[in-house]
Amino acid sequence: MRYSTNTKLSTADVLRRATEFFGPDGVGLTPIEGESGAMRFEAADGFVEVSASGDGPTEVELVTREYDFDTKRFMARIG
């Protein structure tokens, strides 16, 4: 599934929060470094990709497989 939202957070803050939320101490996914402004979080059963761009508001694109519930929770937190 593909989602998008806007936030007042900077691109760096979005990616930092995504790592805290989806990473080992959060949802428990393994973070994979992406290109600038993007991160991927993986597990055996699915993934979440987060990309952010812009200078306020920041546009955040999320692509997920099997983690829709968590992705919607993350979007609510950064909104």
PDB file of N, CA and C in Angstrom:
ATOM      1  N   MET A   1       0.838  -1.162   0.000  1.00  0.00           N
ATOM      2  CA  MET A   1       0.000   0.000   0.000  1.00  0.00           C
ATOM      3  C   MET A   1       0.890   1.235   0.000  1.00  0.00           C
ATOM      4  N   ARG A   2       0.409   2.285  -0.605  1.00  0.00           N
ATOM      5  CA  ARG A   2       1.159   3.544  -0.692  1.00  0.00           C
ATOM      6  C   ARG A   2       0.363   4.634   0.027  1.00  0.00           C
ATOM      7  N   TYR A   3       1.068   5.399   0.862  1.00  0.00           N
ATOM      8  CA  TYR A   3       0.466   6.492   1.611  1.00  0.00           C
ATOM      9  C   TYR A   3       1.305   7.753   1.432  1.00  0.00           C
ATOM     10  N   SER A   4       0.686   8.900   1.688  1.00  0.00           N
ATOM     11  CA  SER A   4       1.448  10.149   1.704  1.00  0.00           C
ATOM     12  C   SER A   4       0.802  11.095   2.709  1.00  0.00           C
ATOM     13  N   THR A   5       1.637  11.971   3.270  1.00  0.00           N
ATOM     14  CA  THR A   5       1.174  12.969   4.220  1.00  0.00           C
ATOM     15  C   THR A   5       2.145  14.133   4.203  1.00  0.00           C
ATOM     16  N   ASN A   6       1.752  15.219   4.805  1.00  0.00           N
ATOM     17  CA  ASN A   6       2.630  16.375   4.970  1.00  0.00           C
ATOM     18  C   ASN A   6       2.852  16.613   6.444  1.00  0.00           C
ATOM     19  N   THR A   7       4.011  17.176   6.776  1.00  0.00           N
ATOM     20  CA  THR A   7       4.354  17.460   8.163  1.00  0.00           C
ATOM     21  C   THR A   7       5.176  18.736   8.245  1.00  0.00           C
ATOM     22  N   LYS A   8       5.176  19.350   9.405  1.00  0.00           N
ATOM     23  CA  LYS A   8       6.013  20.528   9.638  1.00  0.00           C
ATOM     24  C   LYS A   8       7.437  20.131  10.017  1.00  0.00           C
ATOM     25  N   LEU A   9       7.662  18.843  10.268  1.00  0.00           N
ATOM     26  CA  LEU A   9       9.002  18.354  10.618  1.00  0.00           C
ATOM     27  C   LEU A   9       9.951  18.449   9.430  1.00  0.00           C
ATOM     28  N   SER A  10      11.228  18.562   9.708  1.00  0.00           N
ATOM     29  CA  SER A  10      12.229  18.555   8.637  1.00  0.00           C
ATOM     30  C   SER A  10      12.406  17.128   8.116  1.00  0.00           C
ATOM     31  N   THR A  11      13.026  17.003   6.966  1.00  0.00           N
ATOM     32  CA  THR A  11      13.314  15.688   6.393  1.00  0.00           C
ATOM     33  C   THR A  11      14.135  14.847   7.370  1.00  0.00           C
ATOM     34  N   ALA A  12      15.160  15.433   7.971  1.00  0.00           N
ATOM     35  CA  ALA A  12      16.008  14.708   8.925  1.00  0.00           C
ATOM     36  C   ALA A  12      15.205  14.234  10.127  1.00  0.00           C
ATOM     37  N   ASP A  13      14.295  15.078  10.630  1.00  0.00           N
ATOM     38  CA  ASP A  13      13.471  14.688  11.776  1.00  0.00           C
ATOM     39  C   ASP A  13      12.514  13.551  11.417  1.00  0.00           C
ATOM     40  N   VAL A  14      11.949  13.587  10.221  1.00  0.00           N
ATOM     41  CA  VAL A  14      11.052  12.513   9.783  1.00  0.00           C
ATOM     42  C   VAL A  14      11.804  11.187   9.760  1.00  0.00           C
ATOM     43  N   LEU A  15      12.994  11.176   9.191  1.00  0.00           N
ATOM     44  CA  LEU A  15      13.768   9.937   9.088  1.00  0.00           C
ATOM     45  C   LEU A  15      14.251   9.461  10.461  1.00  0.00           C
ATOM     46  N   ARG A  16      14.616  10.382  11.340  1.00  0.00           N
ATOM     47  CA  ARG A  16      15.022  10.016  12.698  1.00  0.00           C
ATOM     48  C   ARG A  16      13.847   9.383  13.443  1.00  0.00           C
ATOM     49  N   ARG A  17      12.685  10.007  13.337  1.00  0.00           N
ATOM     50  CA  ARG A  17      11.497   9.462  14.002  1.00  0.00           C
ATOM     51  C   ARG A  17      11.068   8.133  13.392  1.00  0.00           C
ATOM     52  N   ALA A  18      11.229   7.998  12.078  1.00  0.00           N
ATOM     53  CA  ALA A  18      10.892   6.725  11.426  1.00  0.00           C
ATOM     54  C   ALA A  18      11.791   5.612  11.951  1.00  0.00           C
ATOM     55  N   THR A  19      13.070   5.917  12.127  1.00  0.00           N
ATOM     56  CA  THR A  19      14.011   4.919  12.652  1.00  0.00           C
ATOM     57  C   THR A  19      13.644   4.537  14.082  1.00  0.00           C
ATOM     58  N   GLU A  20      13.289   5.504  14.900  1.00  0.00           N
ATOM     59  CA  GLU A  20      12.866   5.218  16.273  1.00  0.00           C
ATOM     60  C   GLU A  20      11.577   4.398  16.289  1.00  0.00           C
ATOM     61  N   PHE A  21      10.644   4.721  15.414  1.00  0.00           N
ATOM     62  CA  PHE A  21       9.332   4.072  15.407  1.00  0.00           C
ATOM     63  C   PHE A  21       9.369   2.669  14.802  1.00  0.00           C
ATOM     64  N   PHE A  22       9.967   2.544  13.609  1.00  0.00           N
ATOM     65  CA  PHE A  22       9.947   1.264  12.892  1.00  0.00           C
ATOM     66  C   PHE A  22      11.131   0.358  13.229  1.00  0.00           C
ATOM     67  N   GLY A  23      12.220   0.930  13.737  1.00  0.00           N
ATOM     68  CA  GLY A  23      13.458   0.183  13.962  1.00  0.00           C
ATOM     69  C   GLY A  23      13.387  -0.832  15.093  1.00  0.00           C
ATOM     70  N   PRO A  24      14.551  -1.371  15.474  1.00  0.00           N
ATOM     71  CA  PRO A  24      14.635  -2.444  16.470  1.00  0.00           C
ATOM     72  C   PRO A  24      13.991  -2.111  17.816  1.00  0.00           C
ATOM     73  N   ASP A  25      14.057  -0.855  18.252  1.00  0.00           N
ATOM     74  CA  ASP A  25      13.483  -0.473  19.542  1.00  0.00           C
ATOM     75  C   ASP A  25      12.011  -0.076  19.438  1.00  0.00           C
ATOM     76  N   GLY A  26      11.466  -0.113  18.228  1.00  0.00           N
ATOM     77  CA  GLY A  26      10.060   0.222  18.012  1.00  0.00           C
ATOM     78  C   GLY A  26       9.299  -0.994  17.527  1.00  0.00           C
ATOM     79  N   VAL A  27       8.885  -0.958  16.278  1.00  0.00           N
ATOM     80  CA  VAL A  27       8.142  -2.061  15.671  1.00  0.00           C
ATOM     81  C   VAL A  27       9.018  -3.307  15.545  1.00  0.00           C
ATOM     82  N   GLY A  28      10.332  -3.114  15.437  1.00  0.00           N
ATOM     83  CA  GLY A  28      11.253  -4.250  15.388  1.00  0.00           C
ATOM     84  C   GLY A  28      11.775  -4.590  14.006  1.00  0.00           C
ATOM     85  N   LEU A  29      11.623  -3.670  13.061  1.00  0.00           N
ATOM     86  CA  LEU A  29      12.124  -3.906  11.710  1.00  0.00           C
ATOM     87  C   LEU A  29      13.604  -3.522  11.620  1.00  0.00           C
ATOM     88  N   THR A  30      14.294  -4.104  10.661  1.00  0.00           N
ATOM     89  CA  THR A  30      15.705  -3.817  10.434  1.00  0.00           C
ATOM     90  C   THR A  30      15.838  -2.618   9.500  1.00  0.00           C
ATOM     91  N   PRO A  31      16.505  -1.542   9.949  1.00  0.00           N
ATOM     92  CA  PRO A  31      16.684  -0.379   9.077  1.00  0.00           C
ATOM     93  C   PRO A  31      17.743  -0.648   8.011  1.00  0.00           C
ATOM     94  N   ILE A  32      17.438  -0.248   6.788  1.00  0.00           N
ATOM     95  CA  ILE A  32      18.350  -0.349   5.656  1.00  0.00           C
ATOM     96  C   ILE A  32      18.556   1.070   5.133  1.00  0.00           C
ATOM     97  N   GLU A  33      19.809   1.505   5.090  1.00  0.00           N
ATOM     98  CA  GLU A  33      20.087   2.858   4.594  1.00  0.00           C
ATOM     99  C   GLU A  33      19.586   3.009   3.165  1.00  0.00           C
ATOM    100  N   GLY A  34      18.911   4.091   2.928  1.00  0.00           N
ATOM    101  CA  GLY A  34      18.433   4.394   1.586  1.00  0.00           C
ATOM    102  C   GLY A  34      19.205   5.553   1.012  1.00  0.00           C
ATOM    103  N   GLU A  35      18.731   6.028  -0.104  1.00  0.00           N
ATOM    104  CA  GLU A  35      19.357   7.214  -0.668  1.00  0.00           C
ATOM    105  C   GLU A  35      18.978   8.413   0.181  1.00  0.00           C
ATOM    106  N   SER A  36      19.536   9.546  -0.106  1.00  0.00           N
ATOM    107  CA  SER A  36      19.283  10.744   0.678  1.00  0.00           C
ATOM    108  C   SER A  36      17.778  11.004   0.780  1.00  0.00           C
ATOM    109  N   GLY A  37      17.308  11.200   2.002  1.00  0.00           N
ATOM    110  CA  GLY A  37      15.899  11.482   2.214  1.00  0.00           C
ATOM    111  C   GLY A  37      15.010  10.256   2.234  1.00  0.00           C
ATOM    112  N   ALA A  38      15.593   9.061   2.335  1.00  0.00           N
ATOM    113  CA  ALA A  38      14.786   7.836   2.321  1.00  0.00           C
ATOM    114  C   ALA A  38      15.389   6.761   3.221  1.00  0.00           C
ATOM    115  N   MET A  39      14.520   5.929   3.764  1.00  0.00           N
ATOM    116  CA  MET A  39      14.926   4.775   4.576  1.00  0.00           C
ATOM    117  C   MET A  39      14.001   3.612   4.246  1.00  0.00           C
ATOM    118  N   ARG A  40      14.517   2.406   4.441  1.00  0.00           N
ATOM    119  CA  ARG A  40      13.717   1.193   4.273  1.00  0.00           C
ATOM    120  C   ARG A  40      13.875   0.369   5.548  1.00  0.00           C
ATOM    121  N   PHE A  41      12.784  -0.208   5.986  1.00  0.00           N
ATOM    122  CA  PHE A  41      12.767  -1.039   7.179  1.00  0.00           C
ATOM    123  C   PHE A  41      12.191  -2.384   6.775  1.00  0.00           C
ATOM    124  N   GLU A  42      12.904  -3.471   7.082  1.00  0.00           N
ATOM    125  CA  GLU A  42      12.525  -4.795   6.594  1.00  0.00           C
ATOM    126  C   GLU A  42      12.381  -5.816   7.710  1.00  0.00           C
ATOM    127  N   ALA A  43      11.557  -6.811   7.433  1.00  0.00           N
ATOM    128  CA  ALA A  43      11.426  -8.021   8.244  1.00  0.00           C
ATOM    129  C   ALA A  43      11.088  -9.143   7.270  1.00  0.00           C
ATOM    130  N   ALA A  44      11.084 -10.360   7.761  1.00  0.00           N
ATOM    131  CA  ALA A  44      10.801 -11.500   6.886  1.00  0.00           C
ATOM    132  C   ALA A  44       9.412 -11.426   6.268  1.00  0.00           C
ATOM    133  N   ASP A  45       8.480 -10.796   6.972  1.00  0.00           N
ATOM    134  CA  ASP A  45       7.101 -10.774   6.489  1.00  0.00           C
ATOM    135  C   ASP A  45       6.700  -9.507   5.737  1.00  0.00           C
ATOM    136  N   GLY A  46       7.570  -8.505   5.634  1.00  0.00           N
ATOM    137  CA  GLY A  46       7.195  -7.295   4.911  1.00  0.00           C
ATOM    138  C   GLY A  46       8.206  -6.184   5.090  1.00  0.00           C
ATOM    139  N   PHE A  47       7.783  -4.966   4.767  1.00  0.00           N
ATOM    140  CA  PHE A  47       8.688  -3.817   4.813  1.00  0.00           C
ATOM    141  C   PHE A  47       7.893  -2.519   4.910  1.00  0.00           C
ATOM    142  N   VAL A  48       8.633  -1.445   5.203  1.00  0.00           N
ATOM    143  CA  VAL A  48       8.132  -0.079   5.130  1.00  0.00           C
ATOM    144  C   VAL A  48       9.232   0.764   4.504  1.00  0.00           C
ATOM    145  N   GLU A  49       8.893   1.545   3.504  1.00  0.00           N
ATOM    146  CA  GLU A  49       9.820   2.509   2.911  1.00  0.00           C
ATOM    147  C   GLU A  49       9.297   3.907   3.230  1.00  0.00           C
ATOM    148  N   VAL A  50      10.191   4.768   3.691  1.00  0.00           N
ATOM    149  CA  VAL A  50       9.829   6.132   4.050  1.00  0.00           C
ATOM    150  C   VAL A  50      10.731   7.079   3.260  1.00  0.00           C
ATOM    151  N   SER A  51      10.124   8.022   2.550  1.00  0.00           N
ATOM    152  CA  SER A  51      10.910   9.057   1.884  1.00  0.00           C
ATOM    153  C   SER A  51      10.296  10.408   2.216  1.00  0.00           C
ATOM    154  N   ALA A  52      11.154  11.400   2.390  1.00  0.00           N
ATOM    155  CA  ALA A  52      10.708  12.730   2.782  1.00  0.00           C
ATOM    156  C   ALA A  52      11.436  13.766   1.945  1.00  0.00           C
ATOM    157  N   SER A  53      10.714  14.815   1.559  1.00  0.00           N
ATOM    158  CA  SER A  53      11.322  15.886   0.780  1.00  0.00           C
ATOM    159  C   SER A  53      10.551  17.181   1.000  1.00  0.00           C
ATOM    160  N   GLY A  54      11.239  18.270   0.798  1.00  0.00           N
ATOM    161  CA  GLY A  54      10.611  19.585   0.916  1.00  0.00           C
ATOM    162  C   GLY A  54      11.169  20.363   2.085  1.00  0.00           C
ATOM    163  N   ASP A  55      10.831  21.637   2.107  1.00  0.00           N
ATOM    164  CA  ASP A  55      11.318  22.549   3.142  1.00  0.00           C
ATOM    165  C   ASP A  55      10.168  23.157   3.928  1.00  0.00           C
ATOM    166  N   GLY A  56       9.251  22.361   4.365  1.00  0.00           N
ATOM    167  CA  GLY A  56       8.132  22.829   5.170  1.00  0.00           C
ATOM    168  C   GLY A  56       7.034  23.450   4.355  1.00  0.00           C
ATOM    169  N   PRO A  57       5.977  22.766   4.188  1.00  0.00           N
ATOM    170  CA  PRO A  57       5.787  21.446   4.767  1.00  0.00           C
ATOM    171  C   PRO A  57       6.610  20.382   4.028  1.00  0.00           C
ATOM    172  N   THR A  58       6.987  19.363   4.770  1.00  0.00           N
ATOM    173  CA  THR A  58       7.727  18.242   4.201  1.00  0.00           C
ATOM    174  C   THR A  58       6.726  17.198   3.724  1.00  0.00           C
ATOM    175  N   GLU A  59       6.889  16.762   2.496  1.00  0.00           N
ATOM    176  CA  GLU A  59       6.029  15.712   1.958  1.00  0.00           C
ATOM    177  C   GLU A  59       6.649  14.356   2.285  1.00  0.00           C
ATOM    178  N   VAL A  60       5.855  13.477   2.872  1.00  0.00           N
ATOM    179  CA  VAL A  60       6.328  12.162   3.280  1.00  0.00           C
ATOM    180  C   VAL A  60       5.564  11.102   2.497  1.00  0.00           C
ATOM    181  N   GLU A  61       6.307  10.244   1.810  1.00  0.00           N
ATOM    182  CA  GLU A  61       5.730   9.121   1.060  1.00  0.00           C
ATOM    183  C   GLU A  61       6.093   7.840   1.791  1.00  0.00           C
ATOM    184  N   LEU A  62       5.120   6.956   1.941  1.00  0.00           N
ATOM    185  CA  LEU A  62       5.345   5.683   2.621  1.00  0.00           C
ATOM    186  C   LEU A  62       4.792   4.561   1.760  1.00  0.00           C
ATOM    187  N   VAL A  63       5.575   3.510   1.615  1.00  0.00           N
ATOM    188  CA  VAL A  63       5.150   2.312   0.897  1.00  0.00           C
ATOM    189  C   VAL A  63       5.335   1.154   1.873  1.00  0.00           C
ATOM    190  N   THR A  64       4.319   0.305   1.997  1.00  0.00           N
ATOM    191  CA  THR A  64       4.399  -0.771   2.971  1.00  0.00           C
ATOM    192  C   THR A  64       3.763  -2.053   2.454  1.00  0.00           C
ATOM    193  N   ARG A  65       4.259  -3.128   2.986  1.00  0.00           N
ATOM    194  CA  ARG A  65       3.631  -4.439   2.789  1.00  0.00           C
ATOM    195  C   ARG A  65       3.567  -5.103   4.157  1.00  0.00           C
ATOM    196  N   GLU A  66       2.380  -5.402   4.604  1.00  0.00           N
ATOM    197  CA  GLU A  66       2.097  -6.073   5.881  1.00  0.00           C
ATOM    198  C   GLU A  66       2.218  -5.172   7.107  1.00  0.00           C
ATOM    199  N   TYR A  67       2.504  -3.897   6.945  1.00  0.00           N
ATOM    200  CA  TYR A  67       2.646  -3.001   8.093  1.00  0.00           C
ATOM    201  C   TYR A  67       1.762  -1.761   7.955  1.00  0.00           C
ATOM    202  N   ASP A  68       0.585  -1.935   7.396  1.00  0.00           N
ATOM    203  CA  ASP A  68      -0.336  -0.812   7.200  1.00  0.00           C
ATOM    204  C   ASP A  68      -0.740  -0.165   8.521  1.00  0.00           C
ATOM    205  N   PHE A  69      -1.089  -0.975   9.506  1.00  0.00           N
ATOM    206  CA  PHE A  69      -1.522  -0.443  10.797  1.00  0.00           C
ATOM    207  C   PHE A  69      -0.435   0.435  11.409  1.00  0.00           C
ATOM    208  N   ASP A  70       0.791  -0.060  11.437  1.00  0.00           N
ATOM    209  CA  ASP A  70       1.901   0.701  12.013  1.00  0.00           C
ATOM    210  C   ASP A  70       2.210   1.947  11.187  1.00  0.00           C
ATOM    211  N   THR A  71       2.102   1.838   9.874  1.00  0.00           N
ATOM    212  CA  THR A  71       2.355   2.988   9.009  1.00  0.00           C
ATOM    213  C   THR A  71       1.349   4.092   9.284  1.00  0.00           C
ATOM    214  N   LYS A  72       0.092   3.743   9.458  1.00  0.00           N
ATOM    215  CA  LYS A  72      -0.938   4.749   9.777  1.00  0.00           C
ATOM    216  C   LYS A  72      -0.680   5.374  11.147  1.00  0.00           C
ATOM    217  N   ARG A  73      -0.230   4.593  12.114  1.00  0.00           N
ATOM    218  CA  ARG A  73       0.113   5.124  13.431  1.00  0.00           C
ATOM    219  C   ARG A  73       1.273   6.124  13.329  1.00  0.00           C
ATOM    220  N   PHE A  74       2.279   5.788  12.511  1.00  0.00           N
ATOM    221  CA  PHE A  74       3.422   6.690  12.324  1.00  0.00           C
ATOM    222  C   PHE A  74       2.966   7.995  11.677  1.00  0.00           C
ATOM    223  N   MET A  75       2.135   7.905  10.660  1.00  0.00           N
ATOM    224  CA  MET A  75       1.647   9.111   9.995  1.00  0.00           C
ATOM    225  C   MET A  75       0.909  10.005  10.984  1.00  0.00           C
ATOM    226  N   ALA A  76       0.116   9.440  11.872  1.00  0.00           N
ATOM    227  CA  ALA A  76      -0.597  10.240  12.869  1.00  0.00           C
ATOM    228  C   ALA A  76       0.377  10.925  13.816  1.00  0.00           C
ATOM    229  N   ARG A  77       1.471  10.282  14.134  1.00  0.00           N
ATOM    230  CA  ARG A  77       2.450  10.862  15.064  1.00  0.00           C
ATOM    231  C   ARG A  77       3.223  12.021  14.460  1.00  0.00           C
ATOM    232  N   ILE A  78       3.481  11.972  13.166  1.00  0.00           N
ATOM    233  CA  ILE A  78       4.272  13.060  12.564  1.00  0.00           C
ATOM    234  C   ILE A  78       3.387  14.171  12.003  1.00  0.00           C
ATOM    235  N   GLY A  79       2.080  13.915  11.912  1.00  0.00           N
ATOM    236  CA  GLY A  79       1.141  14.888  11.364  1.00  0.00           C
ATOM    237  C   GLY A  79       0.968  16.047  12.259  1.00  0.00           C
TER     238      GLY A  79
END
